[in-house]
């Protein structure tokens, strides 16, 4: 089951409208969330993420800067959540082992792009470090704790745990970022993950799992935590980013051309 192209094409006009109404020029906008991760439900909202460029008067003046812009809306029944960062803030996050922004930048579900987008994606390869493993370990631990508190336990947070761990392991072993659990599972198929994905994709956001299966999933999650830790310890990815100078050069060009 391929879900990379799971973006609701019939809803593209509504998604485009949300992007077009952004108050500042955008460098790019992509889709994150369940559609990127490979397990959207029929009623999943659309999570848009991207980068904007603030105008000169906000950069130099005393008025509050919109380093981050957040806007949610419901368009013809489709909930759309848009979050973008100013280019300088986004570039800074790229250099701080932040897996969130890497996934947003490298998402194959592109809604809007400028010529800078391809250059930025190429530079991003030099932002990946071994220490991104800490991002995925920490994120997975948080998601696992949330799942353990649920009554009844839901499929969605459990899939998030597997997605995060699998993404981190693949990144440490290959140096390539893939946030799609469905695709990652094809590399080393596990039927229980396939079943969870199918349950989520064919059901609703609040689909639950059998409580009798929690012990099984606990063992699987523990194994993946250990696998990610081992992958981190043996990874040959650089310890520090190598793209800081290239990002700074790109930032200066973007600012100069925008003003």
Protein backbone atom coordinates (compact mmCIF):
# COMPACT_ATOMS: atom_id res chain seq x y z
CA UNK A 1 0.00 0.00 0.00
CA UNK A 2 1.62 3.23 -1.12
CA UNK A 3 0.54 6.35 0.74
CA UNK A 4 3.17 8.87 -0.35
CA UNK A 5 0.67 10.34 -2.78
CA UNK A 6 -2.13 10.31 -0.21
CA UNK A 7 -2.66 14.07 -0.26
CA UNK A 8 -6.38 14.73 -0.91
CA UNK A 9 -6.05 15.97 -4.49
CA UNK A 10 -9.71 16.95 -4.63
CA UNK A 11 -8.99 19.41 -1.83
CA UNK A 12 -5.99 21.10 -3.44
CA UNK A 13 -7.91 24.35 -4.14
CA UNK A 14 -8.69 24.73 -0.43
CA UNK A 15 -5.08 23.96 0.49
CA UNK A 16 -3.78 26.42 -2.10
CA UNK A 17 -6.09 29.12 -0.76
CA UNK A 18 -4.63 28.75 2.71
CA UNK A 19 -1.13 29.17 1.29
CA UNK A 20 -2.06 32.09 -0.96
CA UNK A 21 -3.50 34.02 2.00
CA UNK A 22 -0.21 33.96 3.91
CA UNK A 23 0.72 37.52 4.98
CA UNK A 24 4.36 37.22 3.87
CA UNK A 25 6.20 35.86 0.80
CA UNK A 26 6.83 32.13 1.09
CA UNK A 27 9.92 30.14 0.08
CA UNK A 28 8.01 26.88 0.19
CA UNK A 29 5.07 25.08 1.75
CA UNK A 30 4.82 21.31 2.19
CA UNK A 31 2.46 18.85 3.85
CA UNK A 32 3.50 17.20 7.11
CA UNK A 33 1.53 15.13 9.63
CA UNK A 34 -0.33 11.92 8.88
CA UNK A 35 -0.29 12.46 5.10
CA UNK A 36 3.51 12.64 5.14
CA UNK A 37 3.85 9.80 7.64
CA UNK A 38 1.86 7.41 5.47
CA UNK A 39 -1.24 6.83 7.58
CA UNK A 40 -3.92 9.50 6.98
CA UNK A 41 -7.48 8.73 8.05
CA UNK A 42 -10.38 9.81 5.85
CA UNK A 43 -10.99 12.64 8.32
CA UNK A 44 -7.36 13.64 8.90
CA UNK A 45 -6.65 17.35 8.79
CA UNK A 46 -3.91 18.75 6.55
CA UNK A 47 -0.76 20.03 8.27
CA UNK A 48 1.00 22.62 6.13
CA UNK A 49 4.53 23.69 7.05
CA UNK A 50 6.89 26.13 5.38
CA UNK A 51 9.18 29.15 5.41
CA UNK A 52 8.35 32.82 4.93
CA UNK A 53 10.49 35.93 4.48
CA UNK A 54 9.77 38.91 6.71
CA UNK A 55 9.75 42.41 5.18
CA UNK A 56 12.56 44.86 5.90
CA UNK A 57 10.45 47.12 8.12
CA UNK A 58 9.80 44.25 10.55
CA UNK A 59 13.41 43.12 10.53
CA UNK A 60 14.77 46.60 11.34
CA UNK A 61 11.91 48.24 13.21
CA UNK A 62 10.65 48.03 16.78
CA UNK A 63 7.40 46.29 15.91
CA UNK A 64 6.98 42.68 16.95
CA UNK A 65 8.41 40.24 14.42
CA UNK A 66 6.34 37.33 13.13
CA UNK A 67 9.15 34.80 13.35
CA UNK A 68 6.46 32.14 13.39
CA UNK A 69 3.05 32.41 11.73
CA UNK A 70 0.28 30.01 12.70
CA UNK A 71 -3.15 29.88 11.12
CA UNK A 72 -5.85 27.23 11.19
CA UNK A 73 -9.07 27.18 9.22
CA UNK A 74 -11.83 24.86 8.05
CA UNK A 75 -12.54 25.04 4.32
CA UNK A 76 -15.45 23.04 2.95
CA UNK A 77 -15.15 20.66 5.89
CA UNK A 78 -11.37 20.24 5.58
CA UNK A 79 -9.34 21.37 8.59
CA UNK A 80 -6.06 22.96 7.52
CA UNK A 81 -3.29 23.90 9.93
CA UNK A 82 -0.53 26.18 8.59
CA UNK A 83 2.70 26.93 10.47
CA UNK A 84 5.66 28.75 8.91
CA UNK A 85 8.91 30.19 10.26
CA UNK A 86 10.88 33.17 9.03
CA UNK A 87 13.81 32.08 6.92
CA UNK A 88 16.47 33.01 9.52
CA UNK A 89 14.70 31.13 12.30
CA UNK A 90 14.18 28.09 10.07
CA UNK A 91 17.83 28.00 9.01
CA UNK A 92 18.86 28.22 12.67
CA UNK A 93 16.64 25.26 13.51
CA UNK A 94 18.17 23.26 10.65
CA UNK A 95 21.55 23.63 12.35
CA UNK A 96 20.23 22.42 15.73
CA UNK A 97 19.53 18.71 15.01
CA UNK A 98 15.84 19.53 14.64
CA UNK A 99 14.14 16.63 12.88
CA UNK A 100 10.84 18.49 12.55
CA UNK A 101 12.18 21.11 10.16
CA UNK A 102 14.19 18.56 8.19
CA UNK A 103 11.05 16.52 7.61
CA UNK A 104 9.14 19.62 6.56
CA UNK A 105 11.83 20.68 4.11
CA UNK A 106 12.28 17.22 2.61
CA UNK A 107 8.59 16.31 2.46
CA UNK A 108 7.71 15.00 -1.04
CA UNK A 109 4.23 16.57 -0.69
CA UNK A 110 5.04 20.03 -2.02
CA UNK A 111 2.24 22.59 -2.22
CA UNK A 112 4.28 25.69 -3.09
CA UNK A 113 7.94 26.29 -3.99
CA UNK A 114 10.33 28.95 -5.25
CA UNK A 115 13.70 28.49 -6.99
CA UNK A 116 15.38 28.68 -3.57
CA UNK A 117 13.60 25.52 -2.46
CA UNK A 118 15.74 23.08 -4.47
CA UNK A 119 18.93 24.79 -3.35
CA UNK A 120 17.85 24.67 0.27
CA UNK A 121 17.03 20.96 0.05
CA UNK A 122 20.49 20.28 -1.37
CA UNK A 123 22.13 22.22 1.43
CA UNK A 124 20.04 20.40 4.05
CA UNK A 125 21.99 17.18 3.48
CA UNK A 126 24.90 18.86 5.23
CA UNK A 127 22.71 19.66 8.24
CA UNK A 128 22.14 16.00 9.15
CA UNK A 129 24.25 14.80 12.08
CA UNK A 130 24.49 11.72 14.30
CA UNK A 131 22.90 13.76 17.05
CA UNK A 132 19.58 13.86 15.21
CA UNK A 133 19.18 10.46 16.87
CA UNK A 134 18.57 12.32 20.14
CA UNK A 135 15.67 14.16 18.55
CA UNK A 136 14.03 10.90 17.50
CA UNK A 137 14.77 9.12 20.78
CA UNK A 138 13.28 11.99 22.77
CA UNK A 139 10.26 12.36 20.50
CA UNK A 140 9.56 8.63 20.62
CA UNK A 141 9.81 8.56 24.41
CA UNK A 142 7.28 11.38 24.66
CA UNK A 143 4.88 9.69 22.26
CA UNK A 144 5.23 6.34 24.02
CA UNK A 145 4.40 7.91 27.40
CA UNK A 146 1.33 9.57 25.88
CA UNK A 147 0.23 6.25 24.40
CA UNK A 148 0.63 4.46 27.75
CA UNK A 149 -1.69 6.97 29.43
CA UNK A 150 -4.53 6.44 26.96
CA UNK A 151 -7.69 4.63 27.94
CA UNK A 152 -8.68 3.11 25.62
CA UNK A 153 -5.35 3.00 23.72
CA UNK A 154 -5.55 4.44 20.21
CA UNK A 155 -3.87 3.41 16.98
CA UNK A 156 -2.72 6.93 16.07
CA UNK A 157 -0.23 7.61 18.91
CA UNK A 158 1.12 4.07 18.60
CA UNK A 159 1.79 4.63 14.90
CA UNK A 160 3.58 7.87 15.79
CA UNK A 161 5.91 5.91 18.08
CA UNK A 162 6.75 3.40 15.36
CA UNK A 163 7.09 6.14 12.73
CA UNK A 164 9.53 8.18 14.80
CA UNK A 165 11.70 5.21 15.76
CA UNK A 166 11.80 3.82 12.23
CA UNK A 167 12.66 7.24 10.78
CA UNK A 168 15.49 7.70 13.26
CA UNK A 169 16.93 4.24 12.64
CA UNK A 170 16.83 4.68 8.88
CA UNK A 171 18.45 8.11 9.14
CA UNK A 172 21.30 6.84 11.30
CA UNK A 173 21.94 3.82 9.09
CA UNK A 174 21.64 5.46 5.67
CA UNK A 175 21.99 9.21 6.16
CA UNK A 176 18.66 9.59 4.32
CA UNK A 177 15.51 11.04 5.83
CA UNK A 178 12.24 9.23 5.20
CA UNK A 179 9.28 10.10 7.42
CA UNK A 180 6.85 7.71 5.73
CA UNK A 181 6.22 4.68 7.94
CA UNK A 182 4.52 2.75 5.14
CA UNK A 183 7.61 3.04 2.93
CA UNK A 184 10.00 2.31 5.81
CA UNK A 185 8.02 -0.80 6.68
CA UNK A 186 8.46 -2.08 3.13
CA UNK A 187 12.23 -2.15 3.67
CA UNK A 188 11.78 -4.63 6.52
CA UNK A 189 8.13 -5.72 6.43
CA UNK A 190 6.34 -6.31 9.70
CA UNK A 191 2.74 -7.40 9.40
CA UNK A 192 1.58 -5.78 12.63
CA UNK A 193 2.67 -2.34 11.37
CA UNK A 194 0.90 -2.96 8.07
CA UNK A 195 -2.26 -3.84 9.99
CA UNK A 196 -2.04 -0.74 12.15
CA UNK A 197 -1.60 1.47 9.08
CA UNK A 198 -4.56 -0.13 7.33
CA UNK A 199 -6.72 0.30 10.44
CA UNK A 200 -5.84 4.00 10.62
CA UNK A 201 -6.19 4.67 6.89
CA UNK A 202 -9.53 2.87 6.64
CA UNK A 203 -10.95 4.21 9.88
CA UNK A 204 -11.11 7.41 11.87
CA UNK A 205 -8.66 9.43 13.94
CA UNK A 206 -9.73 7.76 17.20
CA UNK A 207 -9.49 4.10 16.18
CA UNK A 208 -8.48 1.98 19.19
CA UNK A 209 -6.41 -1.19 19.61
CA UNK A 210 -7.06 -4.35 21.60
CA UNK A 211 -5.65 -3.89 25.11
CA UNK A 212 -4.43 -7.48 24.98
CA UNK A 213 -1.88 -6.44 22.35
CA UNK A 214 -0.19 -3.79 24.52
CA UNK A 215 2.37 -6.24 25.94
CA UNK A 216 3.32 -7.26 22.41
CA UNK A 217 3.76 -3.65 21.28
CA UNK A 218 5.77 -2.84 24.41
CA UNK A 219 8.33 -5.47 23.41
CA UNK A 220 8.44 -4.20 19.81
CA UNK A 221 8.91 -0.60 20.90
CA UNK A 222 11.64 -1.55 23.38
CA UNK A 223 13.46 -3.41 20.62
CA UNK A 224 13.27 -0.40 18.29
CA UNK A 225 14.56 1.94 21.01
CA UNK A 226 17.58 -0.33 21.39
CA UNK A 227 18.02 -0.52 17.62
CA UNK A 228 17.99 3.28 17.31
CA UNK A 229 20.52 3.64 20.13
CA UNK A 230 22.80 1.09 18.45
CA UNK A 231 22.39 2.76 15.07
CA UNK A 232 23.40 6.07 16.65
CA UNK A 233 26.50 4.55 18.25
CA UNK A 234 27.64 3.00 14.95
CA UNK A 235 26.58 5.77 12.59
CA UNK A 236 29.18 7.32 10.30
CA UNK A 237 27.19 10.54 9.84
CA UNK A 238 29.16 13.67 10.87
CA UNK A 239 28.87 14.92 14.44
CA UNK A 240 28.38 18.54 13.39
CA UNK A 241 26.65 20.28 10.46
CA UNK A 242 28.76 21.13 7.42
CA UNK A 243 26.29 23.54 5.79
CA UNK A 244 26.40 26.57 8.08
CA UNK A 245 28.34 28.73 5.62
CA UNK A 246 26.13 27.71 2.70
CA UNK A 247 22.99 28.49 4.71
CA UNK A 248 24.36 31.89 5.66
CA UNK A 249 25.15 32.68 2.02
CA UNK A 250 21.67 31.60 0.94
CA UNK A 251 20.05 33.65 3.70
CA UNK A 252 21.90 36.78 2.61
CA UNK A 253 20.87 36.30 -1.01
CA UNK A 254 17.25 35.72 -0.07
CA UNK A 255 17.15 38.86 2.09
CA UNK A 256 18.85 41.01 -0.56
CA UNK A 257 16.61 39.82 -3.38
CA UNK A 258 13.49 40.21 -1.26
CA UNK A 259 14.21 43.88 -0.56
